[in-house]
Amino acid sequence: MHLMLNKRVLSVLQIVVNALASAIPSIFNVLLVCIVFWMIFSIMGVQLMKGRFFACYDRASGERLECEIEFNNATVKVNKDFCENNSNVYRWTNQKVNFDNVLIGYLALFQVVSNTFMIIISC
């Protein structure tokens, strides 16, 4: 009886393994379609958002500045020129996840889909 049960379990396992092995080409086809769609969205992201993830950060605290700040008793719009002109206090830095090229765009899309990172778009 025990030997018969083992033969039955082995035959079921063999059927499952054969089914999984025969499904591999279909899985690769679906993977290829997904990669092509991600390529399209990555290219679109580069075209629409290249260079837009730079932001001005305070060197002392490391915090990102808002779009407008009080600076020398005046309201100033924070942009690249302002940040570079005051480089001793602020730094103009790109975020780690951006759409500056297609490969980094792939990474950004993966992180957005998997909820592992939140992208902050600057002003």
PDB file of N, CA and C in Angstrom:
ATOM      1  N   MET A   1       0.819  -1.201   0.000  1.00  0.00           N
ATOM      2  CA  MET A   1       0.000   0.000   0.000  1.00  0.00           C
ATOM      3  C   MET A   1       0.859   1.259   0.000  1.00  0.00           C
ATOM      4  N   HIS A   2       1.878   1.269   0.854  1.00  0.00           N
ATOM      5  CA  HIS A   2       2.762   2.419   0.953  1.00  0.00           C
ATOM      6  C   HIS A   2       3.513   2.648  -0.361  1.00  0.00           C
ATOM      7  N   LEU A   3       3.961   1.593  -0.995  1.00  0.00           N
ATOM      8  CA  LEU A   3       4.671   1.688  -2.266  1.00  0.00           C
ATOM      9  C   LEU A   3       3.739   2.187  -3.361  1.00  0.00           C
ATOM     10  N   MET A   4       2.486   1.773  -3.331  1.00  0.00           N
ATOM     11  CA  MET A   4       1.521   2.202  -4.330  1.00  0.00           C
ATOM     12  C   MET A   4       1.225   3.694  -4.201  1.00  0.00           C
ATOM     13  N   LEU A   5       1.145   4.187  -2.970  1.00  0.00           N
ATOM     14  CA  LEU A   5       0.900   5.602  -2.728  1.00  0.00           C
ATOM     15  C   LEU A   5       2.062   6.427  -3.272  1.00  0.00           C
ATOM     16  N   ASN A   6       3.284   5.971  -3.078  1.00  0.00           N
ATOM     17  CA  ASN A   6       4.448   6.688  -3.585  1.00  0.00           C
ATOM     18  C   ASN A   6       4.440   6.748  -5.111  1.00  0.00           C
ATOM     19  N   LYS A   7       4.030   5.660  -5.777  1.00  0.00           N
ATOM     20  CA  LYS A   7       3.965   5.671  -7.239  1.00  0.00           C
ATOM     21  C   LYS A   7       2.906   6.655  -7.724  1.00  0.00           C
ATOM     22  N   ARG A   8       1.783   6.718  -7.003  1.00  0.00           N
ATOM     23  CA  ARG A   8       0.719   7.637  -7.384  1.00  0.00           C
ATOM     24  C   ARG A   8       1.185   9.090  -7.211  1.00  0.00           C
ATOM     25  N   VAL A   9       1.862   9.391  -6.104  1.00  0.00           N
ATOM     26  CA  VAL A   9       2.380  10.738  -5.852  1.00  0.00           C
ATOM     27  C   VAL A   9       3.407  11.107  -6.904  1.00  0.00           C
ATOM     28  N   LEU A  10       4.268  10.190  -7.250  1.00  0.00           N
ATOM     29  CA  LEU A  10       5.281  10.469  -8.272  1.00  0.00           C
ATOM     30  C   LEU A  10       4.652  10.722  -9.636  1.00  0.00           C
ATOM     31  N   SER A  11       3.601   9.971  -9.961  1.00  0.00           N
ATOM     32  CA  SER A  11       2.963  10.200 -11.261  1.00  0.00           C
ATOM     33  C   SER A  11       2.263  11.561 -11.299  1.00  0.00           C
ATOM     34  N   VAL A  12       1.660  11.962 -10.188  1.00  0.00           N
ATOM     35  CA  VAL A  12       1.026  13.291 -10.125  1.00  0.00           C
ATOM     36  C   VAL A  12       2.086  14.377 -10.227  1.00  0.00           C
ATOM     37  N   LEU A  13       3.189  14.217  -9.529  1.00  0.00           N
ATOM     38  CA  LEU A  13       4.275  15.193  -9.611  1.00  0.00           C
ATOM     39  C   LEU A  13       4.843  15.278 -11.023  1.00  0.00           C
ATOM     40  N   GLN A  14       4.947  14.145 -11.690  1.00  0.00           N
ATOM     41  CA  GLN A  14       5.448  14.137 -13.061  1.00  0.00           C
ATOM     42  C   GLN A  14       4.503  14.901 -13.977  1.00  0.00           C
ATOM     43  N   ILE A  15       3.219  14.760 -13.793  1.00  0.00           N
ATOM     44  CA  ILE A  15       2.243  15.495 -14.598  1.00  0.00           C
ATOM     45  C   ILE A  15       2.360  16.996 -14.344  1.00  0.00           C
ATOM     46  N   VAL A  16       2.510  17.373 -13.089  1.00  0.00           N
ATOM     47  CA  VAL A  16       2.633  18.799 -12.743  1.00  0.00           C
ATOM     48  C   VAL A  16       3.909  19.388 -13.339  1.00  0.00           C
ATOM     49  N   VAL A  17       5.010  18.698 -13.220  1.00  0.00           N
ATOM     50  CA  VAL A  17       6.285  19.198 -13.766  1.00  0.00           C
ATOM     51  C   VAL A  17       6.209  19.299 -15.285  1.00  0.00           C
ATOM     52  N   ASN A  18       5.613  18.319 -15.946  1.00  0.00           N
ATOM     53  CA  ASN A  18       5.460  18.379 -17.404  1.00  0.00           C
ATOM     54  C   ASN A  18       4.578  19.553 -17.822  1.00  0.00           C
ATOM     55  N   ALA A  19       3.509  19.806 -17.064  1.00  0.00           N
ATOM     56  CA  ALA A  19       2.635  20.938 -17.379  1.00  0.00           C
ATOM     57  C   ALA A  19       3.368  22.262 -17.220  1.00  0.00           C
ATOM     58  N   LEU A  20       4.148  22.391 -16.155  1.00  0.00           N
ATOM     59  CA  LEU A  20       4.928  23.618 -15.955  1.00  0.00           C
ATOM     60  C   LEU A  20       5.976  23.792 -17.044  1.00  0.00           C
ATOM     61  N   ALA A  21       6.629  22.711 -17.423  1.00  0.00           N
ATOM     62  CA  ALA A  21       7.651  22.798 -18.467  1.00  0.00           C
ATOM     63  C   ALA A  21       7.036  23.176 -19.812  1.00  0.00           C
ATOM     64  N   SER A  22       5.843  22.677 -20.103  1.00  0.00           N
ATOM     65  CA  SER A  22       5.208  23.024 -21.380  1.00  0.00           C
ATOM     66  C   SER A  22       4.660  24.449 -21.376  1.00  0.00           C
ATOM     67  N   ALA A  23       4.481  25.071 -20.191  1.00  0.00           N
ATOM     68  CA  ALA A  23       3.963  26.440 -20.104  1.00  0.00           C
ATOM     69  C   ALA A  23       5.064  27.495 -20.230  1.00  0.00           C
ATOM     70  N   ILE A  24       6.319  27.097 -20.153  1.00  0.00           N
ATOM     71  CA  ILE A  24       7.427  28.055 -20.178  1.00  0.00           C
ATOM     72  C   ILE A  24       7.449  28.910 -21.452  1.00  0.00           C
ATOM     73  N   PRO A  25       7.274  28.357 -22.659  1.00  0.00           N
ATOM     74  CA  PRO A  25       7.267  29.225 -23.846  1.00  0.00           C
ATOM     75  C   PRO A  25       6.160  30.282 -23.814  1.00  0.00           C
ATOM     76  N   SER A  26       4.988  29.932 -23.311  1.00  0.00           N
ATOM     77  CA  SER A  26       3.904  30.911 -23.205  1.00  0.00           C
ATOM     78  C   SER A  26       4.237  31.997 -22.193  1.00  0.00           C
ATOM     79  N   ILE A  27       4.877  31.619 -21.111  1.00  0.00           N
ATOM     80  CA  ILE A  27       5.277  32.602 -20.102  1.00  0.00           C
ATOM     81  C   ILE A  27       6.292  33.578 -20.695  1.00  0.00           C
ATOM     82  N   PHE A  28       7.236  33.084 -21.490  1.00  0.00           N
ATOM     83  CA  PHE A  28       8.204  33.963 -22.131  1.00  0.00           C
ATOM     84  C   PHE A  28       7.537  34.902 -23.128  1.00  0.00           C
ATOM     85  N   ASN A  29       6.507  34.444 -23.833  1.00  0.00           N
ATOM     86  CA  ASN A  29       5.785  35.322 -24.755  1.00  0.00           C
ATOM     87  C   ASN A  29       5.098  36.459 -24.012  1.00  0.00           C
ATOM     88  N   VAL A  30       4.481  36.155 -22.900  1.00  0.00           N
ATOM     89  CA  VAL A  30       3.836  37.197 -22.095  1.00  0.00           C
ATOM     90  C   VAL A  30       4.881  38.155 -21.549  1.00  0.00           C
ATOM     91  N   LEU A  31       6.004  37.634 -21.100  1.00  0.00           N
ATOM     92  CA  LEU A  31       7.089  38.469 -20.593  1.00  0.00           C
ATOM     93  C   LEU A  31       7.606  39.405 -21.679  1.00  0.00           C
ATOM     94  N   LEU A  32       7.736  38.911 -22.895  1.00  0.00           N
ATOM     95  CA  LEU A  32       8.200  39.743 -24.006  1.00  0.00           C
ATOM     96  C   LEU A  32       7.220  40.878 -24.294  1.00  0.00           C
ATOM     97  N   VAL A  33       5.941  40.600 -24.270  1.00  0.00           N
ATOM     98  CA  VAL A  33       4.930  41.643 -24.484  1.00  0.00           C
ATOM     99  C   VAL A  33       5.004  42.691 -23.374  1.00  0.00           C
ATOM    100  N   CYS A  34       5.173  42.249 -22.132  1.00  0.00           N
ATOM    101  CA  CYS A  34       5.299  43.193 -21.012  1.00  0.00           C
ATOM    102  C   CYS A  34       6.531  44.082 -21.161  1.00  0.00           C
ATOM    103  N   ILE A  35       7.639  43.494 -21.571  1.00  0.00           N
ATOM    104  CA  ILE A  35       8.870  44.271 -21.761  1.00  0.00           C
ATOM    105  C   ILE A  35       8.686  45.322 -22.851  1.00  0.00           C
ATOM    106  N   VAL A  36       7.998  44.965 -23.935  1.00  0.00           N
ATOM    107  CA  VAL A  36       7.759  45.926 -25.018  1.00  0.00           C
ATOM    108  C   VAL A  36       6.879  47.076 -24.522  1.00  0.00           C
ATOM    109  N   PHE A  37       5.830  46.764 -23.749  1.00  0.00           N
ATOM    110  CA  PHE A  37       4.983  47.839 -23.213  1.00  0.00           C
ATOM    111  C   PHE A  37       5.757  48.726 -22.259  1.00  0.00           C
ATOM    112  N   TRP A  38       6.584  48.133 -21.397  1.00  0.00           N
ATOM    113  CA  TRP A  38       7.385  48.941 -20.483  1.00  0.00           C
ATOM    114  C   TRP A  38       8.376  49.800 -21.251  1.00  0.00           C
ATOM    115  N   MET A  39       8.912  49.284 -22.352  1.00  0.00           N
ATOM    116  CA  MET A  39       9.815  50.080 -23.195  1.00  0.00           C
ATOM    117  C   MET A  39       9.080  51.298 -23.745  1.00  0.00           C
ATOM    118  N   ILE A  40       7.860  51.088 -24.213  1.00  0.00           N
ATOM    119  CA  ILE A  40       7.072  52.204 -24.751  1.00  0.00           C
ATOM    120  C   ILE A  40       6.832  53.251 -23.668  1.00  0.00           C
ATOM    121  N   PHE A  41       6.409  52.820 -22.482  1.00  0.00           N
ATOM    122  CA  PHE A  41       6.149  53.772 -21.404  1.00  0.00           C
ATOM    123  C   PHE A  41       7.434  54.430 -20.910  1.00  0.00           C
ATOM    124  N   SER A  42       8.540  53.725 -20.932  1.00  0.00           N
ATOM    125  CA  SER A  42       9.813  54.317 -20.533  1.00  0.00           C
ATOM    126  C   SER A  42      10.252  55.386 -21.532  1.00  0.00           C
ATOM    127  N   ILE A  43      10.090  55.113 -22.813  1.00  0.00           N
ATOM    128  CA  ILE A  43      10.425  56.111 -23.836  1.00  0.00           C
ATOM    129  C   ILE A  43       9.524  57.327 -23.705  1.00  0.00           C
ATOM    130  N   MET A  44       8.230  57.093 -23.466  1.00  0.00           N
ATOM    131  CA  MET A  44       7.315  58.221 -23.262  1.00  0.00           C
ATOM    132  C   MET A  44       7.702  59.027 -22.028  1.00  0.00           C
ATOM    133  N   GLY A  45       8.109  58.336 -20.955  1.00  0.00           N
ATOM    134  CA  GLY A  45       8.546  59.028 -19.747  1.00  0.00           C
ATOM    135  C   GLY A  45       9.772  59.884 -19.995  1.00  0.00           C
ATOM    136  N   VAL A  46      10.715  59.372 -20.776  1.00  0.00           N
ATOM    137  CA  VAL A  46      11.911  60.159 -21.109  1.00  0.00           C
ATOM    138  C   VAL A  46      11.519  61.389 -21.923  1.00  0.00           C
ATOM    139  N   GLN A  47      10.632  61.218 -22.889  1.00  0.00           N
ATOM    140  CA  GLN A  47      10.225  62.342 -23.727  1.00  0.00           C
ATOM    141  C   GLN A  47       9.480  63.408 -22.917  1.00  0.00           C
ATOM    142  N   LEU A  48       8.660  62.993 -21.979  1.00  0.00           N
ATOM    143  CA  LEU A  48       7.833  63.942 -21.238  1.00  0.00           C
ATOM    144  C   LEU A  48       8.496  64.505 -19.988  1.00  0.00           C
ATOM    145  N   MET A  49       9.379  63.727 -19.332  1.00  0.00           N
ATOM    146  CA  MET A  49       9.864  64.135 -18.012  1.00  0.00           C
ATOM    147  C   MET A  49      11.378  64.192 -17.879  1.00  0.00           C
ATOM    148  N   LYS A  50      12.128  64.191 -18.966  1.00  0.00           N
ATOM    149  CA  LYS A  50      13.586  64.225 -18.870  1.00  0.00           C
ATOM    150  C   LYS A  50      14.029  65.535 -18.207  1.00  0.00           C
ATOM    151  N   GLY A  51      14.781  65.415 -17.136  1.00  0.00           N
ATOM    152  CA  GLY A  51      15.327  66.580 -16.448  1.00  0.00           C
ATOM    153  C   GLY A  51      14.381  67.267 -15.490  1.00  0.00           C
ATOM    154  N   ARG A  52      13.191  66.738 -15.270  1.00  0.00           N
ATOM    155  CA  ARG A  52      12.217  67.405 -14.406  1.00  0.00           C
ATOM    156  C   ARG A  52      12.254  66.935 -12.960  1.00  0.00           C
ATOM    157  N   PHE A  53      13.165  66.052 -12.621  1.00  0.00           N
ATOM    158  CA  PHE A  53      13.213  65.539 -11.257  1.00  0.00           C
ATOM    159  C   PHE A  53      14.334  66.181 -10.440  1.00  0.00           C
ATOM    160  N   PHE A  54      14.954  67.224 -10.980  1.00  0.00           N
ATOM    161  CA  PHE A  54      15.940  67.975 -10.211  1.00  0.00           C
ATOM    162  C   PHE A  54      15.204  68.823  -9.187  1.00  0.00           C
ATOM    163  N   ALA A  55      15.848  69.045  -8.059  1.00  0.00           N
ATOM    164  CA  ALA A  55      15.267  69.882  -7.016  1.00  0.00           C
ATOM    165  C   ALA A  55      16.388  70.537  -6.222  1.00  0.00           C
ATOM    166  N   CYS A  56      16.032  71.581  -5.522  1.00  0.00           N
ATOM    167  CA  CYS A  56      16.983  72.317  -4.697  1.00  0.00           C
ATOM    168  C   CYS A  56      16.869  71.814  -3.257  1.00  0.00           C
ATOM    169  N   TYR A  57      18.003  71.441  -2.669  1.00  0.00           N
ATOM    170  CA  TYR A  57      18.032  70.914  -1.305  1.00  0.00           C
ATOM    171  C   TYR A  57      18.891  71.806  -0.422  1.00  0.00           C
ATOM    172  N   ASP A  58      18.476  71.933   0.820  1.00  0.00           N
ATOM    173  CA  ASP A  58      19.253  72.669   1.813  1.00  0.00           C
ATOM    174  C   ASP A  58      20.435  71.800   2.229  1.00  0.00           C
ATOM    175  N   ARG A  59      21.638  72.359   2.156  1.00  0.00           N
ATOM    176  CA  ARG A  59      22.829  71.571   2.494  1.00  0.00           C
ATOM    177  C   ARG A  59      22.864  71.191   3.976  1.00  0.00           C
ATOM    178  N   ALA A  60      22.408  72.074   4.851  1.00  0.00           N
ATOM    179  CA  ALA A  60      22.488  71.820   6.293  1.00  0.00           C
ATOM    180  C   ALA A  60      21.513  70.720   6.728  1.00  0.00           C
ATOM    181  N   SER A  61      20.251  70.846   6.327  1.00  0.00           N
ATOM    182  CA  SER A  61      19.242  69.888   6.799  1.00  0.00           C
ATOM    183  C   SER A  61      18.991  68.750   5.816  1.00  0.00           C
ATOM    184  N   GLY A  62      19.317  68.953   4.533  1.00  0.00           N
ATOM    185  CA  GLY A  62      19.062  67.941   3.523  1.00  0.00           C
ATOM    186  C   GLY A  62      17.628  67.915   3.037  1.00  0.00           C
ATOM    187  N   GLU A  63      16.824  68.880   3.487  1.00  0.00           N
ATOM    188  CA  GLU A  63      15.422  68.920   3.091  1.00  0.00           C
ATOM    189  C   GLU A  63      15.253  69.603   1.741  1.00  0.00           C
ATOM    190  N   ARG A  64      14.245  69.154   1.021  1.00  0.00           N
ATOM    191  CA  ARG A  64      13.913  69.735  -0.283  1.00  0.00           C
ATOM    192  C   ARG A  64      13.177  71.054  -0.072  1.00  0.00           C
ATOM    193  N   LEU A  65      13.553  72.076  -0.840  1.00  0.00           N
ATOM    194  CA  LEU A  65      12.914  73.388  -0.712  1.00  0.00           C
ATOM    195  C   LEU A  65      11.574  73.397  -1.437  1.00  0.00           C
ATOM    196  N   GLU A  66      10.670  74.221  -0.953  1.00  0.00           N
ATOM    197  CA  GLU A  66       9.373  74.407  -1.606  1.00  0.00           C
ATOM    198  C   GLU A  66       9.562  75.241  -2.874  1.00  0.00           C
ATOM    199  N   CYS A  67       8.485  75.426  -3.619  1.00  0.00           N
ATOM    200  CA  CYS A  67       8.568  76.161  -4.880  1.00  0.00           C
ATOM    201  C   CYS A  67       8.914  77.637  -4.677  1.00  0.00           C
ATOM    202  N   GLU A  68       8.400  78.209  -3.599  1.00  0.00           N
ATOM    203  CA  GLU A  68       8.708  79.601  -3.269  1.00  0.00           C
ATOM    204  C   GLU A  68       9.108  79.661  -1.804  1.00  0.00           C
ATOM    205  N   ILE A  69      10.162  80.436  -1.520  1.00  0.00           N
ATOM    206  CA  ILE A  69      10.630  80.565  -0.143  1.00  0.00           C
ATOM    207  C   ILE A  69      10.891  82.030   0.171  1.00  0.00           C
ATOM    208  N   GLU A  70      10.984  82.331   1.452  1.00  0.00           N
ATOM    209  CA  GLU A  70      11.395  83.662   1.884  1.00  0.00           C
ATOM    210  C   GLU A  70      12.912  83.689   1.921  1.00  0.00           C
ATOM    211  N   PHE A  71      13.507  84.628   1.167  1.00  0.00           N
ATOM    212  CA  PHE A  71      14.966  84.726   1.089  1.00  0.00           C
ATOM    213  C   PHE A  71      15.328  86.204   1.061  1.00  0.00           C
ATOM    214  N   ASN A  72      16.080  86.674   2.051  1.00  0.00           N
ATOM    215  CA  ASN A  72      16.463  88.086   2.172  1.00  0.00           C
ATOM    216  C   ASN A  72      15.240  88.996   2.137  1.00  0.00           C
ATOM    217  N   ASN A  73      14.234  88.665   2.959  1.00  0.00           N
ATOM    218  CA  ASN A  73      12.999  89.454   3.106  1.00  0.00           C
ATOM    219  C   ASN A  73      12.218  89.586   1.805  1.00  0.00           C
ATOM    220  N   ALA A  74      12.318  88.621   0.920  1.00  0.00           N
ATOM    221  CA  ALA A  74      11.543  88.634  -0.326  1.00  0.00           C
ATOM    222  C   ALA A  74      11.126  87.197  -0.651  1.00  0.00           C
ATOM    223  N   THR A  75      10.004  87.080  -1.351  1.00  0.00           N
ATOM    224  CA  THR A  75       9.557  85.766  -1.794  1.00  0.00           C
ATOM    225  C   THR A  75      10.243  85.452  -3.110  1.00  0.00           C
ATOM    226  N   VAL A  76      10.966  84.327  -3.133  1.00  0.00           N
ATOM    227  CA  VAL A  76      11.773  83.970  -4.293  1.00  0.00           C
ATOM    228  C   VAL A  76      11.286  82.626  -4.828  1.00  0.00           C
ATOM    229  N   LYS A  77      11.179  82.532  -6.169  1.00  0.00           N
ATOM    230  CA  LYS A  77      10.846  81.266  -6.795  1.00  0.00           C
ATOM    231  C   LYS A  77      12.120  80.421  -6.879  1.00  0.00           C
ATOM    232  N   VAL A  78      12.043  79.203  -6.360  1.00  0.00           N
ATOM    233  CA  VAL A  78      13.210  78.324  -6.332  1.00  0.00           C
ATOM    234  C   VAL A  78      13.347  77.641  -7.689  1.00  0.00           C
ATOM    235  N   ASN A  79      14.497  77.857  -8.341  1.00  0.00           N
ATOM    236  CA  ASN A  79      14.807  77.195  -9.606  1.00  0.00           C
ATOM    237  C   ASN A  79      16.307  76.919  -9.655  1.00  0.00           C
ATOM    238  N   LYS A  80      16.771  76.439 -10.784  1.00  0.00           N
ATOM    239  CA  LYS A  80      18.181  76.063 -10.905  1.00  0.00           C
ATOM    240  C   LYS A  80      19.104  77.266 -10.702  1.00  0.00           C
ATOM    241  N   ASP A  81      18.769  78.399 -11.290  1.00  0.00           N
ATOM    242  CA  ASP A  81      19.618  79.583 -11.151  1.00  0.00           C
ATOM    243  C   ASP A  81      19.740  80.025  -9.698  1.00  0.00           C
ATOM    244  N   PHE A  82      18.604  80.074  -8.993  1.00  0.00           N
ATOM    245  CA  PHE A  82      18.634  80.474  -7.585  1.00  0.00           C
ATOM    246  C   PHE A  82      19.499  79.516  -6.773  1.00  0.00           C
ATOM    247  N   CYS A  83      19.320  78.227  -7.000  1.00  0.00           N
ATOM    248  CA  CYS A  83      20.045  77.223  -6.227  1.00  0.00           C
ATOM    249  C   CYS A  83      21.553  77.269  -6.508  1.00  0.00           C
ATOM    250  N   GLU A  84      21.930  77.424  -7.769  1.00  0.00           N
ATOM    251  CA  GLU A  84      23.358  77.479  -8.112  1.00  0.00           C
ATOM    252  C   GLU A  84      24.003  78.796  -7.692  1.00  0.00           C
ATOM    253  N   ASN A  85      23.238  79.897  -7.694  1.00  0.00           N
ATOM    254  CA  ASN A  85      23.798  81.175  -7.239  1.00  0.00           C
ATOM    255  C   ASN A  85      24.037  81.182  -5.737  1.00  0.00           C
ATOM    256  N   ASN A  86      23.315  80.362  -4.999  1.00  0.00           N
ATOM    257  CA  ASN A  86      23.494  80.252  -3.546  1.00  0.00           C
ATOM    258  C   ASN A  86      24.009  78.857  -3.197  1.00  0.00           C
ATOM    259  N   SER A  87      25.030  78.408  -3.906  1.00  0.00           N
ATOM    260  CA  SER A  87      25.507  77.020  -3.782  1.00  0.00           C
ATOM    261  C   SER A  87      26.164  76.733  -2.441  1.00  0.00           C
ATOM    262  N   ASN A  88      26.534  77.766  -1.686  1.00  0.00           N
ATOM    263  CA  ASN A  88      27.100  77.512  -0.366  1.00  0.00           C
ATOM    264  C   ASN A  88      26.020  77.079   0.633  1.00  0.00           C
ATOM    265  N   VAL A  89      24.749  77.411   0.348  1.00  0.00           N
ATOM    266  CA  VAL A  89      23.645  77.062   1.241  1.00  0.00           C
ATOM    267  C   VAL A  89      22.792  75.934   0.659  1.00  0.00           C
ATOM    268  N   TYR A  90      22.617  75.936  -0.672  1.00  0.00           N
ATOM    269  CA  TYR A  90      21.724  74.981  -1.337  1.00  0.00           C
ATOM    270  C   TYR A  90      22.482  74.172  -2.387  1.00  0.00           C
ATOM    271  N   ARG A  91      21.920  73.019  -2.743  1.00  0.00           N
ATOM    272  CA  ARG A  91      22.505  72.217  -3.822  1.00  0.00           C
ATOM    273  C   ARG A  91      21.394  71.773  -4.774  1.00  0.00           C
ATOM    274  N   TRP A  92      21.681  71.800  -6.066  1.00  0.00           N
ATOM    275  CA  TRP A  92      20.752  71.406  -7.125  1.00  0.00           C
ATOM    276  C   TRP A  92      21.056  69.960  -7.478  1.00  0.00           C
ATOM    277  N   THR A  93      20.153  69.030  -7.128  1.00  0.00           N
ATOM    278  CA  THR A  93      20.432  67.607  -7.241  1.00  0.00           C
ATOM    279  C   THR A  93      19.281  66.885  -7.933  1.00  0.00           C
ATOM    280  N   ASN A  94      19.646  65.890  -8.721  1.00  0.00           N
ATOM    281  CA  ASN A  94      18.653  65.039  -9.361  1.00  0.00           C
ATOM    282  C   ASN A  94      18.266  63.925  -8.402  1.00  0.00           C
ATOM    283  N   GLN A  95      17.020  63.473  -8.485  1.00  0.00           N
ATOM    284  CA  GLN A  95      16.591  62.367  -7.637  1.00  0.00           C
ATOM    285  C   GLN A  95      17.164  61.058  -8.169  1.00  0.00           C
ATOM    286  N   LYS A  96      17.233  60.058  -7.308  1.00  0.00           N
ATOM    287  CA  LYS A  96      17.799  58.771  -7.708  1.00  0.00           C
ATOM    288  C   LYS A  96      16.955  58.105  -8.789  1.00  0.00           C
ATOM    289  N   VAL A  97      15.654  58.202  -8.659  1.00  0.00           N
ATOM    290  CA  VAL A  97      14.749  57.610  -9.640  1.00  0.00           C
ATOM    291  C   VAL A  97      14.216  58.733 -10.513  1.00  0.00           C
ATOM    292  N   ASN A  98      14.509  58.651 -11.810  1.00  0.00           N
ATOM    293  CA  ASN A  98      14.103  59.705 -12.728  1.00  0.00           C
ATOM    294  C   ASN A  98      13.877  59.092 -14.108  1.00  0.00           C
ATOM    295  N   PHE A  99      13.600  59.936 -15.064  1.00  0.00           N
ATOM    296  CA  PHE A  99      13.399  59.481 -16.439  1.00  0.00           C
ATOM    297  C   PHE A  99      14.400  60.154 -17.369  1.00  0.00           C
ATOM    298  N   ASP A 100      15.640  60.272 -16.950  1.00  0.00           N
ATOM    299  CA  ASP A 100      16.655  60.918 -17.789  1.00  0.00           C
ATOM    300  C   ASP A 100      17.133  60.017 -18.917  1.00  0.00           C
ATOM    301  N   ASN A 101      17.024  58.710 -18.784  1.00  0.00           N
ATOM    302  CA  ASN A 101      17.278  57.801 -19.897  1.00  0.00           C
ATOM    303  C   ASN A 101      16.362  56.587 -19.760  1.00  0.00           C
ATOM    304  N   VAL A 102      16.330  55.766 -20.788  1.00  0.00           N
ATOM    305  CA  VAL A 102      15.353  54.678 -20.861  1.00  0.00           C
ATOM    306  C   VAL A 102      15.605  53.615 -19.787  1.00  0.00           C
ATOM    307  N   LEU A 103      16.864  53.290 -19.509  1.00  0.00           N
ATOM    308  CA  LEU A 103      17.146  52.256 -18.508  1.00  0.00           C
ATOM    309  C   LEU A 103      16.740  52.695 -17.105  1.00  0.00           C
ATOM    310  N   ILE A 104      17.029  53.944 -16.761  1.00  0.00           N
ATOM    311  CA  ILE A 104      16.591  54.446 -15.457  1.00  0.00           C
ATOM    312  C   ILE A 104      15.068  54.577 -15.447  1.00  0.00           C
ATOM    313  N   GLY A 105      14.471  54.846 -16.612  1.00  0.00           N
ATOM    314  CA  GLY A 105      13.016  54.875 -16.720  1.00  0.00           C
ATOM    315  C   GLY A 105      12.404  53.512 -16.424  1.00  0.00           C
ATOM    316  N   TYR A 106      13.058  52.433 -16.896  1.00  0.00           N
ATOM    317  CA  TYR A 106      12.605  51.080 -16.562  1.00  0.00           C
ATOM    318  C   TYR A 106      12.584  50.894 -15.041  1.00  0.00           C
ATOM    319  N   LEU A 107      13.654  51.326 -14.382  1.00  0.00           N
ATOM    320  CA  LEU A 107      13.735  51.203 -12.932  1.00  0.00           C
ATOM    321  C   LEU A 107      12.632  52.007 -12.255  1.00  0.00           C
ATOM    322  N   ALA A 108      12.402  53.213 -12.748  1.00  0.00           N
ATOM    323  CA  ALA A 108      11.341  54.054 -12.174  1.00  0.00           C
ATOM    324  C   ALA A 108       9.982  53.396 -12.333  1.00  0.00           C
ATOM    325  N   LEU A 109       9.702  52.832 -13.509  1.00  0.00           N
ATOM    326  CA  LEU A 109       8.425  52.154 -13.723  1.00  0.00           C
ATOM    327  C   LEU A 109       8.274  50.949 -12.811  1.00  0.00           C
ATOM    328  N   PHE A 110       9.339  50.189 -12.651  1.00  0.00           N
ATOM    329  CA  PHE A 110       9.274  49.024 -11.762  1.00  0.00           C
ATOM    330  C   PHE A 110       8.993  49.453 -10.333  1.00  0.00           C
ATOM    331  N   GLN A 111       9.633  50.517  -9.885  1.00  0.00           N
ATOM    332  CA  GLN A 111       9.429  50.953  -8.512  1.00  0.00           C
ATOM    333  C   GLN A 111       8.035  51.536  -8.305  1.00  0.00           C
ATOM    334  N   VAL A 112       7.498  52.186  -9.312  1.00  0.00           N
ATOM    335  CA  VAL A 112       6.134  52.708  -9.199  1.00  0.00           C
ATOM    336  C   VAL A 112       5.136  51.547  -9.158  1.00  0.00           C
ATOM    337  N   VAL A 113       5.329  50.550 -10.003  1.00  0.00           N
ATOM    338  CA  VAL A 113       4.410  49.413 -10.054  1.00  0.00           C
ATOM    339  C   VAL A 113       4.481  48.593  -8.768  1.00  0.00           C
ATOM    340  N   SER A 114       5.671  48.438  -8.221  1.00  0.00           N
ATOM    341  CA  SER A 114       5.820  47.595  -7.032  1.00  0.00           C
ATOM    342  C   SER A 114       5.682  48.374  -5.729  1.00  0.00           C
ATOM    343  N   ASN A 115       5.406  49.668  -5.790  1.00  0.00           N
ATOM    344  CA  ASN A 115       5.213  50.521  -4.604  1.00  0.00           C
ATOM    345  C   ASN A 115       6.422  50.513  -3.672  1.00  0.00           C
ATOM    346  N   THR A 116       7.625  50.470  -4.232  1.00  0.00           N
ATOM    347  CA  THR A 116       8.807  50.467  -3.375  1.00  0.00           C
ATOM    348  C   THR A 116       9.428  51.851  -3.245  1.00  0.00           C
ATOM    349  N   PHE A 117       8.982  52.812  -4.015  1.00  0.00           N
ATOM    350  CA  PHE A 117       9.579  54.146  -3.973  1.00  0.00           C
ATOM    351  C   PHE A 117       8.558  55.155  -4.465  1.00  0.00           C
ATOM    352  N   MET A 118       8.553  56.319  -3.867  1.00  0.00           N
ATOM    353  CA  MET A 118       7.634  57.352  -4.297  1.00  0.00           C
ATOM    354  C   MET A 118       8.431  58.451  -4.993  1.00  0.00           C
ATOM    355  N   ILE A 119       8.070  58.766  -6.200  1.00  0.00           N
ATOM    356  CA  ILE A 119       8.753  59.794  -6.972  1.00  0.00           C
ATOM    357  C   ILE A 119       8.125  61.141  -6.645  1.00  0.00           C
ATOM    358  N   ILE A 120       8.966  62.116  -6.338  1.00  0.00           N
ATOM    359  CA  ILE A 120       8.485  63.459  -6.033  1.00  0.00           C
ATOM    360  C   ILE A 120       8.865  64.368  -7.192  1.00  0.00           C
ATOM    361  N   ILE A 121       7.875  64.955  -7.842  1.00  0.00           N
ATOM    362  CA  ILE A 121       8.131  65.862  -8.946  1.00  0.00           C
ATOM    363  C   ILE A 121       8.291  67.270  -8.386  1.00  0.00           C
ATOM    364  N   SER A 122       9.391  67.924  -8.742  1.00  0.00           N
ATOM    365  CA  SER A 122       9.620  69.272  -8.260  1.00  0.00           C
ATOM    366  C   SER A 122       8.826  70.272  -9.079  1.00  0.00           C
ATOM    367  N   CYS A 123       8.795  71.509  -8.599  1.00  0.00           N
ATOM    368  CA  CYS A 123       7.968  72.547  -9.238  1.00  0.00           C
ATOM    369  C   CYS A 123       8.412  72.862 -10.636  1.00  0.00           C
TER     370      CYS A 123
END
